[in-house]
Amino acid sequence: MLTTTAATLLAVSALIPIGSTADAEAPTPRVDVVTVNGSGCPAGTAEVSATGRTFTVSYSSFFAQAGDGADPVHLRRNCQLSIRVSLPANYTYGLARLSYNGFAHLEAGATALHRVSTYFQGTSPTTRLDTPFTGPMSREWTATYRPAPADIAYSPCGADRNLNINAELRVSPGNSDPSRRSFIAAESSSGTFTTKYELTTRPC
């Protein structure tokens, strides 16, 4: 069972090379993790790594919970990642795939929601993925968004805009037994929550 201790997130600001998918001649972008913050991840524990065109963020604890005396502030928690992608001026980039996993234990009558929104700095959210859950359940979960090529949102050409990715977890106790805990965790049975983001690039 999770405790009510807030998750913490490591301040990461390392440059990570990401492979391109546009074509064999496309340049390899570089990703700078600028900030990580939110109620679900005050500065402390996370790891960022990259393989080819995919970068991965792993959290040790990011959750929402209700019931059995849980703090009401834990009903909803979020974690926002801001990244800078460096490319030549004549190229742009977008997210080709987002993949999340975690674990949920919900009593009968309780519900939960995982939501992720992405947007480029200075714009409105361009992508939102909602994954709802209904109790009773106690299992690992996954949430994946893979838009069709024509639906990928690309950064504005000629503009240096950070990409913001906001993940959110919510739990509603509903009519569940208030003496029993329900939670959704951004972690698997192995104890880590892994988010994977796959970039694609194209000429402007």
Protein backbone atom coordinates (compact mmCIF):
# COMPACT_ATOMS: atom_id res chain seq x y z
CA MET A 1 0.00 0.00 0.00
CA LEU A 2 1.28 3.43 -0.83
CA THR A 3 2.01 5.97 1.88
CA THR A 4 0.88 9.58 1.79
CA THR A 5 4.42 10.85 1.43
CA ALA A 6 4.61 13.11 -1.61
CA ALA A 7 6.56 11.85 -4.62
CA THR A 8 9.76 13.73 -5.37
CA LEU A 9 11.44 14.26 -8.69
CA LEU A 10 15.09 14.59 -9.63
CA ALA A 11 15.95 17.94 -11.24
CA VAL A 12 17.07 16.84 -14.67
CA SER A 13 18.71 19.18 -17.16
CA ALA A 14 20.96 16.95 -19.23
CA LEU A 15 21.07 17.03 -22.99
CA ILE A 16 19.83 13.76 -24.47
CA PRO A 17 20.26 12.83 -28.15
CA ILE A 18 17.11 11.56 -29.82
CA GLY A 19 17.00 9.81 -33.16
CA SER A 20 14.90 11.16 -36.03
CA THR A 21 12.23 9.37 -38.03
CA ALA A 22 11.73 11.80 -40.91
CA ASP A 23 14.25 10.21 -43.27
CA ALA A 24 17.83 8.98 -43.41
CA GLU A 25 19.12 12.53 -44.02
CA ALA A 26 17.18 14.20 -41.19
CA PRO A 27 19.30 15.65 -38.36
CA THR A 28 19.30 14.07 -34.93
CA PRO A 29 17.48 16.32 -32.43
CA ARG A 30 18.78 16.96 -28.95
CA VAL A 31 16.46 17.20 -25.95
CA ASP A 32 17.10 19.40 -22.94
CA VAL A 33 14.85 18.66 -19.96
CA VAL A 34 14.23 22.19 -18.69
CA THR A 35 11.90 21.76 -15.71
CA VAL A 36 9.89 19.11 -13.89
CA ASN A 37 7.32 20.24 -11.34
CA GLY A 38 3.84 19.66 -9.95
CA SER A 39 2.03 18.42 -6.86
CA GLY A 40 2.89 14.83 -7.77
CA CYS A 41 6.60 15.46 -8.30
CA PRO A 42 8.26 18.13 -6.18
CA ALA A 43 12.02 18.15 -6.80
CA GLY A 44 13.60 14.77 -6.09
CA THR A 45 13.26 11.38 -7.87
CA ALA A 46 13.15 10.65 -11.59
CA GLU A 47 15.46 9.36 -14.26
CA VAL A 48 15.57 10.43 -17.90
CA SER A 49 17.16 8.27 -20.58
CA ALA A 50 17.13 8.01 -24.36
CA THR A 51 17.43 5.28 -26.98
CA GLY A 52 17.26 6.31 -30.60
CA ARG A 53 14.25 8.52 -31.17
CA THR A 54 12.62 7.70 -27.81
CA PHE A 55 13.16 9.41 -24.47
CA THR A 56 11.93 7.89 -21.23
CA VAL A 57 11.08 9.36 -17.82
CA SER A 58 10.85 6.97 -14.85
CA TYR A 59 9.21 8.08 -11.58
CA SER A 60 9.62 6.22 -8.30
CA SER A 61 6.33 7.47 -6.81
CA PHE A 62 3.48 9.49 -8.34
CA PHE A 63 -0.05 8.65 -7.18
CA ALA A 64 -3.52 9.84 -6.19
CA GLN A 65 -5.65 8.22 -3.48
CA ALA A 66 -8.87 8.45 -1.49
CA GLY A 67 -10.52 6.78 1.50
CA ASP A 68 -9.20 5.37 4.78
CA GLY A 69 -8.11 8.79 6.03
CA ALA A 70 -6.20 9.79 2.89
CA ASP A 71 -5.30 13.48 2.69
CA PRO A 72 -7.88 15.25 0.45
CA VAL A 73 -5.05 16.99 -1.44
CA HIS A 74 -4.11 13.56 -2.81
CA LEU A 75 -7.37 13.22 -4.74
CA ARG A 76 -5.69 14.94 -7.70
CA ARG A 77 -1.98 15.25 -8.46
CA ASN A 78 -0.02 16.29 -11.51
CA CYS A 79 3.50 16.36 -12.88
CA GLN A 80 4.59 18.63 -15.73
CA LEU A 81 7.67 18.15 -17.87
CA SER A 82 9.06 20.97 -20.03
CA ILE A 83 11.59 20.04 -22.69
CA ARG A 84 13.56 21.91 -25.32
CA VAL A 85 14.23 20.14 -28.61
CA SER A 86 17.12 21.49 -30.68
CA LEU A 87 16.99 21.13 -34.47
CA PRO A 88 18.24 23.12 -37.48
CA ALA A 89 15.98 26.07 -38.33
CA ASN A 90 14.54 24.30 -41.37
CA TYR A 91 13.23 21.33 -39.35
CA THR A 92 10.33 20.84 -36.97
CA TYR A 93 9.33 18.03 -34.59
CA GLY A 94 6.28 16.42 -33.02
CA LEU A 95 5.30 13.58 -30.70
CA ALA A 96 4.63 10.39 -32.64
CA ARG A 97 3.82 8.22 -29.61
CA LEU A 98 3.19 8.55 -25.87
CA SER A 99 3.09 5.50 -23.61
CA TYR A 100 2.38 5.34 -19.86
CA ASN A 101 2.00 2.53 -17.34
CA GLY A 102 1.03 2.20 -13.70
CA PHE A 103 -1.05 0.34 -11.13
CA ALA A 104 -4.57 0.96 -9.81
CA HIS A 105 -6.43 -0.46 -6.82
CA LEU A 106 -10.02 0.77 -6.70
CA GLU A 107 -12.75 -0.35 -4.34
CA ALA A 108 -16.27 -0.93 -5.67
CA GLY A 109 -17.86 2.47 -6.35
CA ALA A 110 -14.56 4.34 -6.77
CA THR A 111 -13.22 5.69 -10.06
CA ALA A 112 -9.90 7.05 -11.27
CA LEU A 113 -8.53 8.96 -14.24
CA HIS A 114 -5.14 9.27 -15.90
CA ARG A 115 -4.87 12.33 -18.16
CA VAL A 116 -1.97 13.64 -20.22
CA SER A 117 -1.94 16.94 -22.11
CA THR A 118 0.79 18.21 -24.42
CA TYR A 119 1.31 21.65 -25.90
CA PHE A 120 4.02 23.89 -27.25
CA GLN A 121 5.03 26.91 -25.19
CA GLY A 122 2.67 29.83 -25.78
CA THR A 123 -0.11 27.70 -27.32
CA SER A 124 -3.22 25.89 -26.10
CA PRO A 125 -3.09 22.11 -25.43
CA THR A 126 -2.90 20.27 -28.75
CA THR A 127 -3.22 16.68 -27.50
CA ARG A 128 -5.14 15.22 -24.55
CA LEU A 129 -5.37 11.55 -23.66
CA ASP A 130 -7.85 10.43 -20.96
CA THR A 131 -7.83 6.90 -19.56
CA PRO A 132 -10.65 6.22 -17.03
CA PHE A 133 -10.83 3.35 -14.54
CA THR A 134 -13.76 1.96 -12.54
CA GLY A 135 -13.66 -0.16 -9.39
CA PRO A 136 -13.53 -2.82 -8.29
CA MET A 137 -10.11 -3.45 -9.81
CA SER A 138 -6.54 -4.13 -8.72
CA ARG A 139 -4.10 -4.43 -11.62
CA GLU A 140 -1.46 -2.76 -13.74
CA TRP A 141 -2.59 -0.42 -16.50
CA THR A 142 -1.22 1.13 -19.68
CA ALA A 143 -2.24 4.18 -21.70
CA THR A 144 -0.91 4.81 -25.20
CA TYR A 145 -1.53 7.56 -27.74
CA ARG A 146 -0.26 7.13 -31.28
CA PRO A 147 -1.77 9.64 -33.72
CA ALA A 148 -1.99 9.07 -37.45
CA PRO A 149 0.87 10.85 -39.27
CA ALA A 150 -1.52 13.52 -40.54
CA ASP A 151 -2.70 14.24 -36.98
CA ILE A 152 0.72 14.78 -35.37
CA ALA A 153 1.05 18.30 -33.92
CA TYR A 154 4.39 19.84 -34.94
CA SER A 155 6.23 22.72 -33.35
CA PRO A 156 5.92 26.07 -35.18
CA CYS A 157 8.61 26.40 -37.84
CA GLY A 158 11.20 29.06 -37.08
CA ALA A 159 10.14 29.38 -33.43
CA ASP A 160 12.03 28.16 -30.37
CA ARG A 161 9.17 26.71 -28.31
CA ASN A 162 9.49 24.32 -25.37
CA LEU A 163 7.24 21.25 -25.40
CA ASN A 164 5.17 20.90 -22.22
CA ILE A 165 3.81 17.50 -21.15
CA ASN A 166 1.43 17.46 -18.19
CA ALA A 167 0.42 14.13 -16.59
CA GLU A 168 -2.43 14.02 -14.07
CA LEU A 169 -3.86 11.35 -11.75
CA ARG A 170 -7.29 11.61 -10.09
CA VAL A 171 -9.28 9.41 -7.73
CA SER A 172 -12.95 9.84 -6.81
CA PRO A 173 -14.20 7.73 -3.88
CA GLY A 174 -17.76 7.85 -5.20
CA ASN A 175 -19.97 5.59 -3.07
CA SER A 176 -17.13 3.25 -2.07
CA ASP A 177 -16.55 2.21 1.55
CA PRO A 178 -14.85 5.28 3.12
CA SER A 179 -12.85 3.02 5.44
CA ARG A 180 -11.03 1.41 2.51
CA ARG A 181 -8.26 2.98 0.42
CA SER A 182 -8.47 3.40 -3.35
CA PHE A 183 -5.50 4.65 -5.36
CA ILE A 184 -4.02 4.99 -8.81
CA ALA A 185 -0.25 4.93 -9.00
CA ALA A 186 2.11 6.01 -11.73
CA GLU A 187 4.21 2.95 -11.06
CA SER A 188 4.18 -0.74 -11.87
CA SER A 189 4.60 -3.74 -9.61
CA SER A 190 8.35 -3.25 -10.06
CA GLY A 191 8.03 0.09 -8.24
CA THR A 192 8.68 2.48 -11.11
CA PHE A 193 6.44 4.46 -13.45
CA THR A 194 7.81 4.69 -16.96
CA THR A 195 6.64 7.18 -19.55
CA LYS A 196 7.95 6.89 -23.09
CA TYR A 197 7.85 9.62 -25.70
CA GLU A 198 8.76 9.07 -29.34
CA LEU A 199 9.69 12.05 -31.50
CA THR A 200 9.40 12.46 -35.25
CA THR A 201 10.89 15.25 -37.38
CA ARG A 202 10.22 16.73 -40.80
CA PRO A 203 11.45 19.63 -42.94
CA CYS A 204 9.54 22.90 -42.62
